[in-house]
Amino acid sequence: QIQLVESGGGSVQAGGSLKLSCVLYGYGFDDFVMAWFRQPPGKKREAVASIDGNTRTTSTYAESVKGRFTIFRDNAKNTLWLQMNSLKPEDTATYYCATSATLSRPTLYPDEYHYWGQGTQVTVSS
């Protein structure tokens, strides 16, 4: 059984920073592709970033967050992070981490992921 638990959300003013974390409970973290998605109020879920497993060197980002957000992981701690800088009001959303036991490289397609966390709320005020 795999469980993902996010934390680190909160309220911040535009231009500020937040760091989200996601802990995987279970097995296989080292090998799993991990990702962050978000769902703004009243909108569909959208991709944020994804990172590979063992090498931890390959990542991909949505255009809207490139240069502002960084995804990284610590396999020794079974933890995934999302460092968010220069936050904008349009970044307001519930942020979810996700993982897949079968992916071999990062992807921003949500249907490829099998396990999801419960989400953490991020609110950016102008």
C-alpha atoms as a PDB file:
ATOM      1  CA  GLN A   1       0.000   0.000   0.000  1.00  0.00           C
ATOM      2  CA  ILE A   2       1.290   3.433  -0.973  1.00  0.00           C
ATOM      3  CA  GLN A   3       0.171   6.624   0.718  1.00  0.00           C
ATOM      4  CA  LEU A   4       1.192  10.172  -0.144  1.00  0.00           C
ATOM      5  CA  VAL A   5       0.906  12.969   2.401  1.00  0.00           C
ATOM      6  CA  GLU A   6       1.455  16.594   1.396  1.00  0.00           C
ATOM      7  CA  SER A   7       2.170  19.537   3.669  1.00  0.00           C
ATOM      8  CA  GLY A   8       3.537  23.057   3.536  1.00  0.00           C
ATOM      9  CA  GLY A   9       0.629  24.911   2.010  1.00  0.00           C
ATOM     10  CA  GLY A  10      -0.560  28.234   3.334  1.00  0.00           C
ATOM     11  CA  SER A  11      -1.293  31.838   2.518  1.00  0.00           C
ATOM     12  CA  VAL A  12       1.304  34.201   1.124  1.00  0.00           C
ATOM     13  CA  GLN A  13       1.436  37.528  -0.637  1.00  0.00           C
ATOM     14  CA  ALA A  14       2.335  37.817  -4.287  1.00  0.00           C
ATOM     15  CA  GLY A  15       6.079  37.624  -4.768  1.00  0.00           C
ATOM     16  CA  GLY A  16       6.513  35.379  -1.766  1.00  0.00           C
ATOM     17  CA  SER A  17       7.685  31.786  -1.496  1.00  0.00           C
ATOM     18  CA  LEU A  18       6.409  28.490  -0.169  1.00  0.00           C
ATOM     19  CA  LYS A  19       7.927  25.031  -0.021  1.00  0.00           C
ATOM     20  CA  LEU A  20       5.621  22.044  -0.290  1.00  0.00           C
ATOM     21  CA  SER A  21       6.587  18.553   0.774  1.00  0.00           C
ATOM     22  CA  CYS A  22       5.161  15.138   0.039  1.00  0.00           C
ATOM     23  CA  VAL A  23       6.102  12.023   1.969  1.00  0.00           C
ATOM     24  CA  LEU A  24       5.560   8.597   0.451  1.00  0.00           C
ATOM     25  CA  TYR A  25       4.625   5.867   2.922  1.00  0.00           C
ATOM     26  CA  GLY A  26       5.019   2.402   1.565  1.00  0.00           C
ATOM     27  CA  TYR A  27       7.632   1.109  -0.835  1.00  0.00           C
ATOM     28  CA  GLY A  28       9.500   1.863  -4.005  1.00  0.00           C
ATOM     29  CA  PHE A  29      10.029   5.621  -3.655  1.00  0.00           C
ATOM     30  CA  ASP A  30      13.515   5.495  -5.155  1.00  0.00           C
ATOM     31  CA  ASP A  31      12.281   4.059  -8.435  1.00  0.00           C
ATOM     32  CA  PHE A  32       9.079   6.027  -8.821  1.00  0.00           C
ATOM     33  CA  VAL A  33       8.509   9.019 -11.017  1.00  0.00           C
ATOM     34  CA  MET A  34       6.928  11.718  -8.861  1.00  0.00           C
ATOM     35  CA  ALA A  35       4.937  14.788  -9.801  1.00  0.00           C
ATOM     36  CA  TRP A  36       3.047  17.815  -8.571  1.00  0.00           C
ATOM     37  CA  PHE A  37      -0.335  18.847  -9.919  1.00  0.00           C
ATOM     38  CA  ARG A  38      -2.689  21.601  -8.867  1.00  0.00           C
ATOM     39  CA  GLN A  39      -6.347  22.468  -9.141  1.00  0.00           C
ATOM     40  CA  PRO A  40      -7.305  26.142  -9.017  1.00  0.00           C
ATOM     41  CA  PRO A  41     -10.751  27.017  -7.647  1.00  0.00           C
ATOM     42  CA  GLY A  42     -13.435  26.170 -10.178  1.00  0.00           C
ATOM     43  CA  LYS A  43     -10.947  24.895 -12.729  1.00  0.00           C
ATOM     44  CA  LYS A  44      -9.589  21.597 -13.939  1.00  0.00           C
ATOM     45  CA  ARG A  45      -6.525  19.937 -12.511  1.00  0.00           C
ATOM     46  CA  GLU A  46      -3.309  20.992 -14.222  1.00  0.00           C
ATOM     47  CA  ALA A  47       0.239  19.756 -14.195  1.00  0.00           C
ATOM     48  CA  VAL A  48       3.034  21.575 -12.412  1.00  0.00           C
ATOM     49  CA  ALA A  49       6.209  19.483 -12.508  1.00  0.00           C
ATOM     50  CA  SER A  50       7.538  15.948 -12.598  1.00  0.00           C
ATOM     51  CA  ILE A  51      10.845  14.304 -11.692  1.00  0.00           C
ATOM     52  CA  ASP A  52      12.383  10.904 -12.352  1.00  0.00           C
ATOM     53  CA  GLY A  53      13.310   8.301  -9.766  1.00  0.00           C
ATOM     54  CA  ASN A  54      16.798   7.042  -9.168  1.00  0.00           C
ATOM     55  CA  THR A  55      18.791   9.531 -11.197  1.00  0.00           C
ATOM     56  CA  ARG A  56      16.792  12.524  -9.895  1.00  0.00           C
ATOM     57  CA  THR A  57      18.287  14.535 -12.751  1.00  0.00           C
ATOM     58  CA  THR A  58      15.425  14.673 -15.183  1.00  0.00           C
ATOM     59  CA  SER A  59      12.486  16.938 -14.578  1.00  0.00           C
ATOM     60  CA  THR A  60       9.839  18.695 -16.582  1.00  0.00           C
ATOM     61  CA  TYR A  61       7.764  21.763 -15.811  1.00  0.00           C
ATOM     62  CA  ALA A  62       4.584  23.400 -16.981  1.00  0.00           C
ATOM     63  CA  GLU A  63       5.312  26.616 -18.880  1.00  0.00           C
ATOM     64  CA  SER A  64       3.427  28.669 -16.313  1.00  0.00           C
ATOM     65  CA  VAL A  65       5.865  27.780 -13.526  1.00  0.00           C
ATOM     66  CA  LYS A  66       9.198  27.505 -15.341  1.00  0.00           C
ATOM     67  CA  GLY A  67      11.887  29.582 -13.711  1.00  0.00           C
ATOM     68  CA  ARG A  68       9.832  30.037 -10.541  1.00  0.00           C
ATOM     69  CA  PHE A  69       9.198  26.523  -9.223  1.00  0.00           C
ATOM     70  CA  THR A  70      11.717  23.756  -8.562  1.00  0.00           C
ATOM     71  CA  ILE A  71      10.878  20.103  -8.001  1.00  0.00           C
ATOM     72  CA  PHE A  72      13.370  17.956  -6.111  1.00  0.00           C
ATOM     73  CA  ARG A  73      13.469  14.866  -3.961  1.00  0.00           C
ATOM     74  CA  ASP A  74      15.380  13.146  -1.186  1.00  0.00           C
ATOM     75  CA  ASN A  75      15.153   9.405  -1.677  1.00  0.00           C
ATOM     76  CA  ALA A  76      16.676   8.717   1.738  1.00  0.00           C
ATOM     77  CA  LYS A  77      13.696  10.489   3.304  1.00  0.00           C
ATOM     78  CA  ASN A  78      11.045   9.296   0.837  1.00  0.00           C
ATOM     79  CA  THR A  79      10.214  12.946   0.339  1.00  0.00           C
ATOM     80  CA  LEU A  80       9.358  15.080  -2.664  1.00  0.00           C
ATOM     81  CA  TRP A  81       9.466  18.871  -2.528  1.00  0.00           C
ATOM     82  CA  LEU A  82       8.225  21.776  -4.578  1.00  0.00           C
ATOM     83  CA  GLN A  83       9.985  25.073  -3.979  1.00  0.00           C
ATOM     84  CA  MET A  84       7.740  27.870  -5.201  1.00  0.00           C
ATOM     85  CA  ASN A  85       9.189  31.349  -5.618  1.00  0.00           C
ATOM     86  CA  SER A  86       7.810  34.566  -7.047  1.00  0.00           C
ATOM     87  CA  LEU A  87       4.297  33.366  -6.380  1.00  0.00           C
ATOM     88  CA  LYS A  88       1.412  34.935  -8.240  1.00  0.00           C
ATOM     89  CA  PRO A  89      -2.313  35.055  -7.413  1.00  0.00           C
ATOM     90  CA  GLU A  90      -2.908  32.664 -10.307  1.00  0.00           C
ATOM     91  CA  ASP A  91      -0.851  30.061  -8.452  1.00  0.00           C
ATOM     92  CA  THR A  92      -3.685  29.803  -5.920  1.00  0.00           C
ATOM     93  CA  ALA A  93      -4.814  26.169  -5.941  1.00  0.00           C
ATOM     94  CA  THR A  94      -4.904  22.900  -4.107  1.00  0.00           C
ATOM     95  CA  TYR A  95      -1.602  21.179  -4.794  1.00  0.00           C
ATOM     96  CA  TYR A  96      -1.357  17.417  -5.077  1.00  0.00           C
ATOM     97  CA  CYS A  97       1.587  15.078  -5.337  1.00  0.00           C
ATOM     98  CA  ALA A  98       1.313  11.924  -7.367  1.00  0.00           C
ATOM     99  CA  THR A  99       3.369   8.893  -8.248  1.00  0.00           C
ATOM    100  CA  SER A 100       3.389   5.932 -10.545  1.00  0.00           C
ATOM    101  CA  ALA A 101       4.935   2.502 -10.131  1.00  0.00           C
ATOM    102  CA  THR A 102       5.230   2.002 -13.881  1.00  0.00           C
ATOM    103  CA  LEU A 103       6.499   5.229 -15.429  1.00  0.00           C
ATOM    104  CA  SER A 104      10.084   5.263 -16.646  1.00  0.00           C
ATOM    105  CA  ARG A 105      10.429   9.005 -17.184  1.00  0.00           C
ATOM    106  CA  PRO A 106       8.734  12.175 -15.987  1.00  0.00           C
ATOM    107  CA  THR A 107       5.451  13.143 -17.552  1.00  0.00           C
ATOM    108  CA  LEU A 108       2.848  15.830 -16.976  1.00  0.00           C
ATOM    109  CA  TYR A 109      -0.108  13.641 -17.985  1.00  0.00           C
ATOM    110  CA  PRO A 110      -2.225  13.005 -14.869  1.00  0.00           C
ATOM    111  CA  ASP A 111      -3.741   9.781 -16.197  1.00  0.00           C
ATOM    112  CA  GLU A 112      -0.284   8.190 -16.019  1.00  0.00           C
ATOM    113  CA  TYR A 113      -0.234   8.445 -12.225  1.00  0.00           C
ATOM    114  CA  HIS A 114      -1.767   5.837  -9.961  1.00  0.00           C
ATOM    115  CA  TYR A 115      -1.369   7.264  -6.477  1.00  0.00           C
ATOM    116  CA  TRP A 116      -2.391  10.688  -5.220  1.00  0.00           C
ATOM    117  CA  GLY A 117      -2.141  12.636  -1.995  1.00  0.00           C
ATOM    118  CA  GLN A 118      -4.994  14.455  -0.308  1.00  0.00           C
ATOM    119  CA  GLY A 119      -3.774  17.902  -1.332  1.00  0.00           C
ATOM    120  CA  THR A 120      -2.532  21.035   0.388  1.00  0.00           C
ATOM    121  CA  GLN A 121      -3.993  24.496  -0.166  1.00  0.00           C
ATOM    122  CA  VAL A 122      -1.906  27.380  -1.440  1.00  0.00           C
ATOM    123  CA  THR A 123      -3.411  30.867  -1.482  1.00  0.00           C
ATOM    124  CA  VAL A 124      -1.569  33.818  -2.990  1.00  0.00           C
ATOM    125  CA  SER A 125      -2.999  37.271  -2.399  1.00  0.00           C
ATOM    126  CA  SER A 126      -2.269  40.326  -4.497  1.00  0.00           C
END
